[in-house]
Amino acid sequence: MEIIIIVGVALVVLFILFKIFKAFIKWGILILVLILVVAYFTNPEELTHHKGLKDVKKNIANKLKIDDYKIFSLTKVKVKGEEKIVGFGAFGKVWYFDDIEKSLKE
């Protein structure tokens, strides 16, 4: 009789946990989709990447490449035939890495 009660309580606890996690998963997926939609519509344009790098160097326009992944974008600079990622753009902003000057000097 004791085993039946333990199994019954365990099943009730598992059922409640399943319902709770199901709600969390549903809301988590909804929030993730909302973030991706906002990221898609606020992905910075190529001009934004160029404006930020003009402050660093004036003559890098021919070395600059922007890879657009629709929800974020990467700023790359071609140095000695090799592309280096020097910036990241998302949600309307572009952030540049600290080693951008070093990458451009090479």
Protein backbone atom coordinates (compact mmCIF):
# COMPACT_ATOMS: atom_id res chain seq x y z
CA MET A 1 0.00 0.00 0.00
CA GLU A 2 2.85 2.35 0.82
CA ILE A 3 4.44 1.83 -2.63
CA ILE A 4 1.15 2.71 -4.36
CA ILE A 5 0.96 5.99 -2.42
CA ILE A 6 4.60 6.84 -3.25
CA VAL A 7 4.06 6.09 -6.94
CA GLY A 8 0.85 8.16 -6.94
CA VAL A 9 2.54 11.13 -5.28
CA ALA A 10 5.49 10.85 -7.70
CA LEU A 11 3.11 10.84 -10.67
CA VAL A 12 1.27 13.90 -9.36
CA VAL A 13 4.58 15.74 -8.78
CA LEU A 14 5.79 14.81 -12.26
CA PHE A 15 2.50 15.97 -13.77
CA ILE A 16 2.74 19.33 -11.99
CA LEU A 17 6.39 19.76 -13.01
CA PHE A 18 5.50 18.94 -16.61
CA LYS A 19 2.78 21.60 -16.62
CA ILE A 20 5.13 24.19 -15.12
CA PHE A 21 7.96 23.45 -17.58
CA LYS A 22 5.51 23.39 -20.47
CA ALA A 23 4.45 26.94 -19.59
CA PHE A 24 8.10 28.03 -19.27
CA ILE A 25 9.00 26.48 -22.60
CA LYS A 26 6.02 28.11 -24.30
CA TRP A 27 6.89 31.56 -22.92
CA GLY A 28 10.59 31.01 -23.56
CA ILE A 29 9.99 30.23 -27.23
CA LEU A 30 7.66 33.21 -27.53
CA ILE A 31 10.26 35.55 -26.00
CA LEU A 32 13.01 34.11 -28.22
CA VAL A 33 10.92 34.66 -31.35
CA LEU A 34 10.15 38.23 -30.23
CA ILE A 35 13.87 38.95 -29.70
CA LEU A 36 14.72 37.53 -33.13
CA VAL A 37 12.05 39.68 -34.81
CA VAL A 38 13.34 42.81 -33.08
CA ALA A 39 16.92 41.88 -34.03
CA TYR A 40 15.90 41.41 -37.65
CA PHE A 41 14.28 44.83 -37.94
CA THR A 42 17.01 46.67 -36.02
CA ASN A 43 20.03 45.10 -37.73
CA PRO A 44 22.41 48.01 -38.48
CA GLU A 45 22.89 49.04 -42.08
CA GLU A 46 26.23 48.91 -43.86
CA LEU A 47 26.55 52.69 -43.58
CA THR A 48 26.52 52.42 -39.78
CA HIS A 49 29.51 50.07 -39.91
CA HIS A 50 31.36 52.45 -42.25
CA LYS A 51 30.67 55.51 -40.08
CA GLY A 52 32.17 53.90 -37.00
CA LEU A 53 35.33 52.85 -38.78
CA LYS A 54 35.89 56.25 -40.41
CA ASP A 55 36.74 57.50 -36.94
CA VAL A 56 39.53 54.93 -36.75
CA LYS A 57 41.06 55.15 -40.24
CA LYS A 58 40.17 57.12 -43.33
CA ASN A 59 41.62 54.80 -45.98
CA ILE A 60 40.05 51.42 -45.17
CA ALA A 61 37.03 51.56 -47.48
CA ASN A 62 38.56 49.08 -49.93
CA LYS A 63 39.52 46.68 -47.13
CA LEU A 64 36.14 46.72 -45.39
CA LYS A 65 33.57 43.94 -45.75
CA ILE A 66 30.21 43.67 -43.99
CA ASP A 67 28.64 40.23 -43.60
CA ASP A 68 24.90 40.57 -43.01
CA TYR A 69 23.26 37.61 -41.27
CA LYS A 70 19.83 39.33 -41.09
CA ILE A 71 19.67 39.38 -37.26
CA PHE A 72 23.26 40.52 -36.74
CA SER A 73 26.19 41.60 -38.89
CA LEU A 74 29.96 41.33 -38.75
CA THR A 75 32.49 43.96 -39.79
CA LYS A 76 35.58 42.44 -41.37
CA VAL A 77 38.79 44.05 -42.56
CA LYS A 78 40.99 42.37 -45.13
CA VAL A 79 44.63 42.49 -44.03
CA LYS A 80 47.33 40.70 -46.03
CA GLY A 81 44.73 38.58 -47.81
CA GLU A 82 43.16 37.43 -44.55
CA GLU A 83 39.83 38.67 -43.22
CA LYS A 84 39.69 39.62 -39.56
CA ILE A 85 36.49 40.30 -37.66
CA VAL A 86 36.80 43.73 -36.05
CA GLY A 87 33.18 44.54 -35.21
CA PHE A 88 29.74 43.18 -34.43
CA GLY A 89 26.42 44.84 -35.19
CA ALA A 90 23.01 44.11 -33.69
CA PHE A 91 19.94 46.00 -32.45
CA GLY A 92 20.90 49.14 -34.37
CA LYS A 93 24.37 49.42 -32.82
CA VAL A 94 27.86 48.44 -33.94
CA TRP A 95 30.51 47.43 -31.44
CA TYR A 96 34.17 47.26 -32.37
CA PHE A 97 36.74 45.05 -30.72
CA ASP A 98 39.66 46.53 -28.83
CA ASP A 99 42.25 45.12 -31.21
CA ILE A 100 40.91 47.02 -34.24
CA GLU A 101 43.93 49.34 -34.38
CA LYS A 102 46.26 46.35 -34.20
CA SER A 103 44.40 44.58 -37.02
CA LEU A 104 44.58 47.65 -39.23
CA LYS A 105 48.29 48.25 -38.61
CA GLU A 106 49.18 44.76 -39.78
